[in-house]
């Protein structure tokens, strides 16, 4: 990485090593500034998830639950659509 940074400065793409490093961070920083309230909420959700003492759900079981929920939502949607046509 140091070589790549040095090359970018030497070929004139950037004025300094700091600019090379800050460049890719600019979009992230801009987005963060445009949504100041979203980041604390996300951080709070991550913290709550990490502190959750419930046992982890195995991946295959989680996938089965999601598939089941999607199927149920599709059935509910089909039922309400058929009632509207009646």
PDB file of N, CA and C in Angstrom:
ATOM      1  N   UNK A   1       0.829  -1.189   0.000  1.00  0.00           N
ATOM      2  CA  UNK A   1       0.000   0.000   0.000  1.00  0.00           C
ATOM      3  C   UNK A   1       0.871   1.249   0.000  1.00  0.00           C
ATOM      4  N   UNK A   2       1.965   1.197   0.770  1.00  0.00           N
ATOM      5  CA  UNK A   2       2.853   2.359   0.821  1.00  0.00           C
ATOM      6  C   UNK A   2       3.425   2.645  -0.564  1.00  0.00           C
ATOM      7  N   UNK A   3       3.783   1.590  -1.305  1.00  0.00           N
ATOM      8  CA  UNK A   3       4.338   1.774  -2.650  1.00  0.00           C
ATOM      9  C   UNK A   3       3.300   2.420  -3.558  1.00  0.00           C
ATOM     10  N   UNK A   4       2.065   1.934  -3.494  1.00  0.00           N
ATOM     11  CA  UNK A   4       1.001   2.491  -4.326  1.00  0.00           C
ATOM     12  C   UNK A   4       0.773   3.963  -3.987  1.00  0.00           C
ATOM     13  N   UNK A   5       0.786   4.291  -2.722  1.00  0.00           N
ATOM     14  CA  UNK A   5       0.591   5.687  -2.313  1.00  0.00           C
ATOM     15  C   UNK A   5       1.741   6.544  -2.843  1.00  0.00           C
ATOM     16  N   UNK A   6       2.962   6.056  -2.687  1.00  0.00           N
ATOM     17  CA  UNK A   6       4.135   6.787  -3.167  1.00  0.00           C
ATOM     18  C   UNK A   6       4.056   6.999  -4.680  1.00  0.00           C
ATOM     19  N   UNK A   7       3.645   5.953  -5.418  1.00  0.00           N
ATOM     20  CA  UNK A   7       3.536   6.057  -6.878  1.00  0.00           C
ATOM     21  C   UNK A   7       2.500   7.097  -7.287  1.00  0.00           C
ATOM     22  N   UNK A   8       1.366   7.145  -6.577  1.00  0.00           N
ATOM     23  CA  UNK A   8       0.322   8.117  -6.912  1.00  0.00           C
ATOM     24  C   UNK A   8       0.790   9.551  -6.676  1.00  0.00           C
ATOM     25  N   UNK A   9       1.609   9.745  -5.658  1.00  0.00           N
ATOM     26  CA  UNK A   9       2.157  11.080  -5.412  1.00  0.00           C
ATOM     27  C   UNK A   9       3.201  11.408  -6.475  1.00  0.00           C
ATOM     28  N   UNK A  10       4.073  10.434  -6.776  1.00  0.00           N
ATOM     29  CA  UNK A  10       5.142  10.662  -7.758  1.00  0.00           C
ATOM     30  C   UNK A  10       4.607  10.898  -9.164  1.00  0.00           C
ATOM     31  N   UNK A  11       3.509  10.229  -9.546  1.00  0.00           N
ATOM     32  CA  UNK A  11       2.989  10.433 -10.907  1.00  0.00           C
ATOM     33  C   UNK A  11       2.091  11.670 -11.014  1.00  0.00           C
ATOM     34  N   UNK A  12       1.917  12.373  -9.906  1.00  0.00           N
ATOM     35  CA  UNK A  12       1.165  13.622  -9.927  1.00  0.00           C
ATOM     36  C   UNK A  12      -0.331  13.474  -9.750  1.00  0.00           C
ATOM     37  N   UNK A  13      -0.795  12.237  -9.535  1.00  0.00           N
ATOM     38  CA  UNK A  13      -2.235  12.038  -9.335  1.00  0.00           C
ATOM     39  C   UNK A  13      -2.725  12.726  -8.067  1.00  0.00           C
ATOM     40  N   UNK A  14      -1.846  12.790  -7.068  1.00  0.00           N
ATOM     41  CA  UNK A  14      -2.180  13.420  -5.789  1.00  0.00           C
ATOM     42  C   UNK A  14      -0.998  14.262  -5.346  1.00  0.00           C
ATOM     43  N   UNK A  15      -1.260  15.277  -4.544  1.00  0.00           N
ATOM     44  CA  UNK A  15      -0.210  16.166  -4.078  1.00  0.00           C
ATOM     45  C   UNK A  15       0.562  15.637  -2.892  1.00  0.00           C
ATOM     46  N   UNK A  16      -0.049  14.721  -2.151  1.00  0.00           N
ATOM     47  CA  UNK A  16       0.622  14.184  -0.962  1.00  0.00           C
ATOM     48  C   UNK A  16       0.036  12.820  -0.620  1.00  0.00           C
ATOM     49  N   UNK A  17       0.748  12.099   0.233  1.00  0.00           N
ATOM     50  CA  UNK A  17       0.250  10.799   0.693  1.00  0.00           C
ATOM     51  C   UNK A  17      -1.081  10.970   1.422  1.00  0.00           C
ATOM     52  N   UNK A  18      -1.204  12.040   2.157  1.00  0.00           N
ATOM     53  CA  UNK A  18      -2.443  12.312   2.888  1.00  0.00           C
ATOM     54  C   UNK A  18      -3.631  12.447   1.940  1.00  0.00           C
ATOM     55  N   UNK A  19      -3.413  13.109   0.789  1.00  0.00           N
ATOM     56  CA  UNK A  19      -4.492  13.254  -0.192  1.00  0.00           C
ATOM     57  C   UNK A  19      -4.903  11.899  -0.769  1.00  0.00           C
ATOM     58  N   UNK A  20      -3.928  11.013  -0.981  1.00  0.00           N
ATOM     59  CA  UNK A  20      -4.240   9.676  -1.506  1.00  0.00           C
ATOM     60  C   UNK A  20      -5.163   8.952  -0.528  1.00  0.00           C
ATOM     61  N   UNK A  21      -4.848   9.057   0.736  1.00  0.00           N
ATOM     62  CA  UNK A  21      -5.631   8.354   1.759  1.00  0.00           C
ATOM     63  C   UNK A  21      -6.989   9.009   1.968  1.00  0.00           C
ATOM     64  N   UNK A  22      -7.035  10.343   1.966  1.00  0.00           N
ATOM     65  CA  UNK A  22      -8.304  11.051   2.192  1.00  0.00           C
ATOM     66  C   UNK A  22      -9.267  10.921   1.013  1.00  0.00           C
ATOM     67  N   UNK A  23      -8.735  10.765  -0.192  1.00  0.00           N
ATOM     68  CA  UNK A  23      -9.569  10.719  -1.394  1.00  0.00           C
ATOM     69  C   UNK A  23     -10.718   9.725  -1.311  1.00  0.00           C
ATOM     70  N   UNK A  24     -10.450   8.450  -1.069  1.00  0.00           N
ATOM     71  CA  UNK A  24     -11.538   7.481  -1.002  1.00  0.00           C
ATOM     72  C   UNK A  24     -12.463   7.690   0.200  1.00  0.00           C
ATOM     73  N   UNK A  25     -11.979   8.411   1.201  1.00  0.00           N
ATOM     74  CA  UNK A  25     -12.806   8.647   2.392  1.00  0.00           C
ATOM     75  C   UNK A  25     -13.808   9.782   2.201  1.00  0.00           C
ATOM     76  N   UNK A  26     -13.589  10.624   1.195  1.00  0.00           N
ATOM     77  CA  UNK A  26     -14.440  11.798   0.997  1.00  0.00           C
ATOM     78  C   UNK A  26     -15.919  11.454   0.803  1.00  0.00           C
ATOM     79  N   UNK A  27     -16.260  10.474  -0.074  1.00  0.00           N
ATOM     80  CA  UNK A  27     -17.687  10.158  -0.222  1.00  0.00           C
ATOM     81  C   UNK A  27     -18.323   9.669   1.085  1.00  0.00           C
ATOM     82  N   UNK A  28     -17.590   8.856   1.828  1.00  0.00           N
ATOM     83  CA  UNK A  28     -18.095   8.370   3.108  1.00  0.00           C
ATOM     84  C   UNK A  28     -18.329   9.535   4.060  1.00  0.00           C
ATOM     85  N   UNK A  29     -17.346  10.420   4.126  1.00  0.00           N
ATOM     86  CA  UNK A  29     -17.450  11.567   5.013  1.00  0.00           C
ATOM     87  C   UNK A  29     -18.620  12.466   4.616  1.00  0.00           C
ATOM     88  N   UNK A  30     -18.779  12.701   3.325  1.00  0.00           N
ATOM     89  CA  UNK A  30     -19.881  13.548   2.841  1.00  0.00           C
ATOM     90  C   UNK A  30     -21.229  12.925   3.178  1.00  0.00           C
ATOM     91  N   UNK A  31     -21.338  11.623   2.965  1.00  0.00           N
ATOM     92  CA  UNK A  31     -22.607  10.956   3.272  1.00  0.00           C
ATOM     93  C   UNK A  31     -22.894  11.032   4.761  1.00  0.00           C
ATOM     94  N   UNK A  32     -21.870  10.829   5.562  1.00  0.00           N
ATOM     95  CA  UNK A  32     -22.058  10.878   7.008  1.00  0.00           C
ATOM     96  C   UNK A  32     -22.515  12.267   7.447  1.00  0.00           C
ATOM     97  N   UNK A  33     -21.943  13.308   6.849  1.00  0.00           N
ATOM     98  CA  UNK A  33     -22.339  14.673   7.199  1.00  0.00           C
ATOM     99  C   UNK A  33     -23.760  14.976   6.746  1.00  0.00           C
ATOM    100  N   UNK A  34     -24.197  14.378   5.632  1.00  0.00           N
ATOM    101  CA  UNK A  34     -25.541  14.653   5.124  1.00  0.00           C
ATOM    102  C   UNK A  34     -26.615  13.913   5.909  1.00  0.00           C
ATOM    103  N   UNK A  35     -26.219  12.907   6.659  1.00  0.00           N
ATOM    104  CA  UNK A  35     -27.176  12.113   7.444  1.00  0.00           C
ATOM    105  C   UNK A  35     -26.678  11.982   8.885  1.00  0.00           C
ATOM    106  N   UNK A  36     -26.509  13.084   9.603  1.00  0.00           N
ATOM    107  CA  UNK A  36     -25.884  13.015  10.922  1.00  0.00           C
ATOM    108  C   UNK A  36     -26.649  12.171  11.931  1.00  0.00           C
ATOM    109  N   UNK A  37     -27.944  12.094  11.796  1.00  0.00           N
ATOM    110  CA  UNK A  37     -28.723  11.346  12.786  1.00  0.00           C
ATOM    111  C   UNK A  37     -28.790   9.854  12.497  1.00  0.00           C
ATOM    112  N   UNK A  38     -28.483   9.446  11.267  1.00  0.00           N
ATOM    113  CA  UNK A  38     -28.580   8.027  10.908  1.00  0.00           C
ATOM    114  C   UNK A  38     -27.470   7.215  11.550  1.00  0.00           C
ATOM    115  N   UNK A  39     -26.288   7.769  11.636  1.00  0.00           N
ATOM    116  CA  UNK A  39     -25.149   6.996  12.148  1.00  0.00           C
ATOM    117  C   UNK A  39     -25.308   6.632  13.621  1.00  0.00           C
ATOM    118  N   UNK A  40     -25.707   7.540  14.500  1.00  0.00           N
ATOM    119  CA  UNK A  40     -25.873   7.124  15.898  1.00  0.00           C
ATOM    120  C   UNK A  40     -26.927   6.029  16.060  1.00  0.00           C
ATOM    121  N   UNK A  41     -28.005   6.112  15.280  1.00  0.00           N
ATOM    122  CA  UNK A  41     -29.038   5.072  15.377  1.00  0.00           C
ATOM    123  C   UNK A  41     -28.467   3.734  14.940  1.00  0.00           C
ATOM    124  N   UNK A  42     -27.705   3.730  13.847  1.00  0.00           N
ATOM    125  CA  UNK A  42     -27.107   2.484  13.371  1.00  0.00           C
ATOM    126  C   UNK A  42     -26.156   1.939  14.410  1.00  0.00           C
ATOM    127  N   UNK A  43     -25.342   2.805  14.978  1.00  0.00           N
ATOM    128  CA  UNK A  43     -24.399   2.372  16.009  1.00  0.00           C
ATOM    129  C   UNK A  43     -25.110   1.786  17.203  1.00  0.00           C
ATOM    130  N   UNK A  44     -26.231   2.393  17.585  1.00  0.00           N
ATOM    131  CA  UNK A  44     -26.996   1.892  18.720  1.00  0.00           C
ATOM    132  C   UNK A  44     -27.561   0.501  18.420  1.00  0.00           C
ATOM    133  N   UNK A  45     -28.011   0.299  17.170  1.00  0.00           N
ATOM    134  CA  UNK A  45     -28.539  -1.013  16.794  1.00  0.00           C
ATOM    135  C   UNK A  45     -27.439  -2.066  16.796  1.00  0.00           C
ATOM    136  N   UNK A  46     -26.270  -1.704  16.311  1.00  0.00           N
ATOM    137  CA  UNK A  46     -25.154  -2.650  16.312  1.00  0.00           C
ATOM    138  C   UNK A  46     -24.771  -2.994  17.747  1.00  0.00           C
ATOM    139  N   UNK A  47     -24.674  -1.987  18.592  1.00  0.00           N
ATOM    140  CA  UNK A  47     -24.336  -2.223  19.992  1.00  0.00           C
ATOM    141  C   UNK A  47     -25.373  -3.115  20.657  1.00  0.00           C
ATOM    142  N   UNK A  48     -26.643  -2.834  20.425  1.00  0.00           N
ATOM    143  CA  UNK A  48     -27.704  -3.657  21.012  1.00  0.00           C
ATOM    144  C   UNK A  48     -27.603  -5.097  20.528  1.00  0.00           C
ATOM    145  N   UNK A  49     -27.291  -5.276  19.260  1.00  0.00           N
ATOM    146  CA  UNK A  49     -27.152  -6.622  18.708  1.00  0.00           C
ATOM    147  C   UNK A  49     -25.988  -7.357  19.355  1.00  0.00           C
ATOM    148  N   UNK A  50     -24.874  -6.668  19.524  1.00  0.00           N
ATOM    149  CA  UNK A  50     -23.704  -7.297  20.132  1.00  0.00           C
ATOM    150  C   UNK A  50     -23.936  -7.647  21.600  1.00  0.00           C
ATOM    151  N   UNK A  51     -24.758  -6.847  22.270  1.00  0.00           N
ATOM    152  CA  UNK A  51     -25.028  -7.085  23.690  1.00  0.00           C
ATOM    153  C   UNK A  51     -26.176  -8.054  23.930  1.00  0.00           C
ATOM    154  N   UNK A  52     -26.870  -8.463  22.881  1.00  0.00           N
ATOM    155  CA  UNK A  52     -28.002  -9.386  22.986  1.00  0.00           C
ATOM    156  C   UNK A  52     -27.517 -10.724  23.538  1.00  0.00           C
ATOM    157  N   UNK A  53     -28.097 -11.148  24.631  1.00  0.00           N
ATOM    158  CA  UNK A  53     -27.671 -12.381  25.302  1.00  0.00           C
ATOM    159  C   UNK A  53     -28.395 -13.628  24.797  1.00  0.00           C
ATOM    160  N   UNK A  54     -29.361 -13.442  23.899  1.00  0.00           N
ATOM    161  CA  UNK A  54     -30.071 -14.614  23.378  1.00  0.00           C
ATOM    162  C   UNK A  54     -29.105 -15.472  22.566  1.00  0.00           C
ATOM    163  N   UNK A  55     -29.330 -16.776  22.542  1.00  0.00           N
ATOM    164  CA  UNK A  55     -28.422 -17.639  21.763  1.00  0.00           C
ATOM    165  C   UNK A  55     -28.542 -17.346  20.270  1.00  0.00           C
ATOM    166  N   UNK A  56     -27.436 -17.544  19.568  1.00  0.00           N
ATOM    167  CA  UNK A  56     -27.429 -17.324  18.129  1.00  0.00           C
ATOM    168  C   UNK A  56     -28.311 -18.351  17.440  1.00  0.00           C
ATOM    169  N   UNK A  57     -28.900 -17.963  16.337  1.00  0.00           N
ATOM    170  CA  UNK A  57     -29.720 -18.873  15.544  1.00  0.00           C
ATOM    171  C   UNK A  57     -28.843 -19.421  14.430  1.00  0.00           C
ATOM    172  N   UNK A  58     -28.792 -20.751  14.263  1.00  0.00           N
ATOM    173  CA  UNK A  58     -27.995 -21.309  13.162  1.00  0.00           C
ATOM    174  C   UNK A  58     -28.467 -20.749  11.822  1.00  0.00           C
ATOM    175  N   UNK A  59     -27.525 -20.566  10.897  1.00  0.00           N
ATOM    176  CA  UNK A  59     -27.826 -19.939   9.615  1.00  0.00           C
ATOM    177  C   UNK A  59     -28.942 -20.658   8.869  1.00  0.00           C
ATOM    178  N   UNK A  60     -28.883 -21.992   8.794  1.00  0.00           N
ATOM    179  CA  UNK A  60     -29.915 -22.715   8.040  1.00  0.00           C
ATOM    180  C   UNK A  60     -31.295 -22.514   8.664  1.00  0.00           C
ATOM    181  N   UNK A  61     -31.344 -22.433   9.990  1.00  0.00           N
ATOM    182  CA  UNK A  61     -32.622 -22.187  10.661  1.00  0.00           C
ATOM    183  C   UNK A  61     -33.120 -20.768  10.367  1.00  0.00           C
ATOM    184  N   UNK A  62     -32.216 -19.793  10.367  1.00  0.00           N
ATOM    185  CA  UNK A  62     -32.595 -18.409  10.064  1.00  0.00           C
ATOM    186  C   UNK A  62     -33.123 -18.302   8.635  1.00  0.00           C
ATOM    187  N   UNK A  63     -32.448 -18.966   7.707  1.00  0.00           N
ATOM    188  CA  UNK A  63     -32.893 -18.940   6.302  1.00  0.00           C
ATOM    189  C   UNK A  63     -34.274 -19.567   6.173  1.00  0.00           C
ATOM    190  N   UNK A  64     -34.500 -20.687   6.847  1.00  0.00           N
ATOM    191  CA  UNK A  64     -35.818 -21.331   6.811  1.00  0.00           C
ATOM    192  C   UNK A  64     -36.895 -20.402   7.351  1.00  0.00           C
ATOM    193  N   UNK A  65     -36.590 -19.682   8.442  1.00  0.00           N
ATOM    194  CA  UNK A  65     -37.566 -18.751   9.018  1.00  0.00           C
ATOM    195  C   UNK A  65     -37.892 -17.617   8.041  1.00  0.00           C
ATOM    196  N   UNK A  66     -36.870 -17.107   7.377  1.00  0.00           N
ATOM    197  CA  UNK A  66     -37.087 -16.017   6.417  1.00  0.00           C
ATOM    198  C   UNK A  66     -37.929 -16.516   5.248  1.00  0.00           C
ATOM    199  N   UNK A  67     -37.595 -17.691   4.713  1.00  0.00           N
ATOM    200  CA  UNK A  67     -38.366 -18.248   3.600  1.00  0.00           C
ATOM    201  C   UNK A  67     -39.822 -18.468   4.004  1.00  0.00           C
ATOM    202  N   UNK A  68     -40.023 -18.972   5.208  1.00  0.00           N
ATOM    203  CA  UNK A  68     -41.378 -19.207   5.697  1.00  0.00           C
ATOM    204  C   UNK A  68     -42.154 -17.891   5.799  1.00  0.00           C
ATOM    205  N   UNK A  69     -41.484 -16.858   6.320  1.00  0.00           N
ATOM    206  CA  UNK A  69     -42.139 -15.550   6.464  1.00  0.00           C
ATOM    207  C   UNK A  69     -42.494 -14.965   5.096  1.00  0.00           C
ATOM    208  N   UNK A  70     -41.578 -15.099   4.137  1.00  0.00           N
ATOM    209  CA  UNK A  70     -41.841 -14.601   2.782  1.00  0.00           C
ATOM    210  C   UNK A  70     -43.032 -15.333   2.170  1.00  0.00           C
ATOM    211  N   UNK A  71     -43.096 -16.651   2.353  1.00  0.00           N
ATOM    212  CA  UNK A  71     -44.221 -17.429   1.831  1.00  0.00           C
ATOM    213  C   UNK A  71     -45.530 -16.986   2.467  1.00  0.00           C
ATOM    214  N   UNK A  72     -45.494 -16.746   3.787  1.00  0.00           N
ATOM    215  CA  UNK A  72     -46.703 -16.303   4.488  1.00  0.00           C
ATOM    216  C   UNK A  72     -47.145 -14.938   3.970  1.00  0.00           C
ATOM    217  N   UNK A  73     -46.210 -14.029   3.782  1.00  0.00           N
ATOM    218  CA  UNK A  73     -46.563 -12.704   3.260  1.00  0.00           C
ATOM    219  C   UNK A  73     -47.151 -12.810   1.859  1.00  0.00           C
ATOM    220  N   UNK A  74     -46.604 -13.684   1.034  1.00  0.00           N
ATOM    221  CA  UNK A  74     -47.132 -13.878  -0.327  1.00  0.00           C
ATOM    222  C   UNK A  74     -48.548 -14.429  -0.266  1.00  0.00           C
ATOM    223  N   UNK A  75     -48.788 -15.396   0.627  1.00  0.00           N
ATOM    224  CA  UNK A  75     -50.152 -15.953   0.765  1.00  0.00           C
ATOM    225  C   UNK A  75     -51.117 -14.879   1.247  1.00  0.00           C
ATOM    226  N   UNK A  76     -50.694 -14.085   2.234  1.00  0.00           N
ATOM    227  CA  UNK A  76     -51.551 -13.014   2.742  1.00  0.00           C
ATOM    228  C   UNK A  76     -51.870 -12.007   1.644  1.00  0.00           C
ATOM    229  N   UNK A  77     -50.890 -11.699   0.827  1.00  0.00           N
ATOM    230  CA  UNK A  77     -51.086 -10.761  -0.267  1.00  0.00           C
ATOM    231  C   UNK A  77     -52.060 -11.338  -1.299  1.00  0.00           C
ATOM    232  N   UNK A  78     -51.894 -12.622  -1.614  1.00  0.00           N
ATOM    233  CA  UNK A  78     -52.799 -13.271  -2.559  1.00  0.00           C
ATOM    234  C   UNK A  78     -54.229 -13.287  -2.027  1.00  0.00           C
ATOM    235  N   UNK A  79     -54.387 -13.561  -0.721  1.00  0.00           N
ATOM    236  CA  UNK A  79     -55.716 -13.588  -0.109  1.00  0.00           C
ATOM    237  C   UNK A  79     -56.380 -12.218  -0.177  1.00  0.00           C
ATOM    238  N   UNK A  80     -55.634 -11.161   0.139  1.00  0.00           N
ATOM    239  CA  UNK A  80     -56.243  -9.830   0.125  1.00  0.00           C
ATOM    240  C   UNK A  80     -56.545  -9.388  -1.297  1.00  0.00           C
ATOM    241  N   UNK A  81     -55.732  -9.797  -2.255  1.00  0.00           N
ATOM    242  CA  UNK A  81     -55.977  -9.454  -3.665  1.00  0.00           C
ATOM    243  C   UNK A  81     -57.244 -10.150  -4.155  1.00  0.00           C
ATOM    244  N   UNK A  82     -57.449 -11.405  -3.777  1.00  0.00           N
ATOM    245  CA  UNK A  82     -58.647 -12.121  -4.228  1.00  0.00           C
ATOM    246  C   UNK A  82     -59.891 -11.562  -3.567  1.00  0.00           C
ATOM    247  N   UNK A  83     -59.794 -11.075  -2.339  1.00  0.00           N
ATOM    248  CA  UNK A  83     -60.945 -10.467  -1.669  1.00  0.00           C
ATOM    249  C   UNK A  83     -61.328  -9.154  -2.343  1.00  0.00           C
ATOM    250  N   UNK A  84     -60.326  -8.399  -2.814  1.00  0.00           N
ATOM    251  CA  UNK A  84     -60.624  -7.124  -3.484  1.00  0.00           C
ATOM    252  C   UNK A  84     -61.333  -7.358  -4.810  1.00  0.00           C
ATOM    253  N   UNK A  85     -61.027  -8.473  -5.468  1.00  0.00           N
ATOM    254  CA  UNK A  85     -61.670  -8.760  -6.752  1.00  0.00           C
ATOM    255  C   UNK A  85     -63.095  -9.264  -6.572  1.00  0.00           C
ATOM    256  N   UNK A  86     -63.405  -9.764  -5.415  1.00  0.00           N
ATOM    257  CA  UNK A  86     -64.737 -10.339  -5.174  1.00  0.00           C
ATOM    258  C   UNK A  86     -65.799  -9.296  -5.039  1.00  0.00           C
TER     259      UNK A  86
END
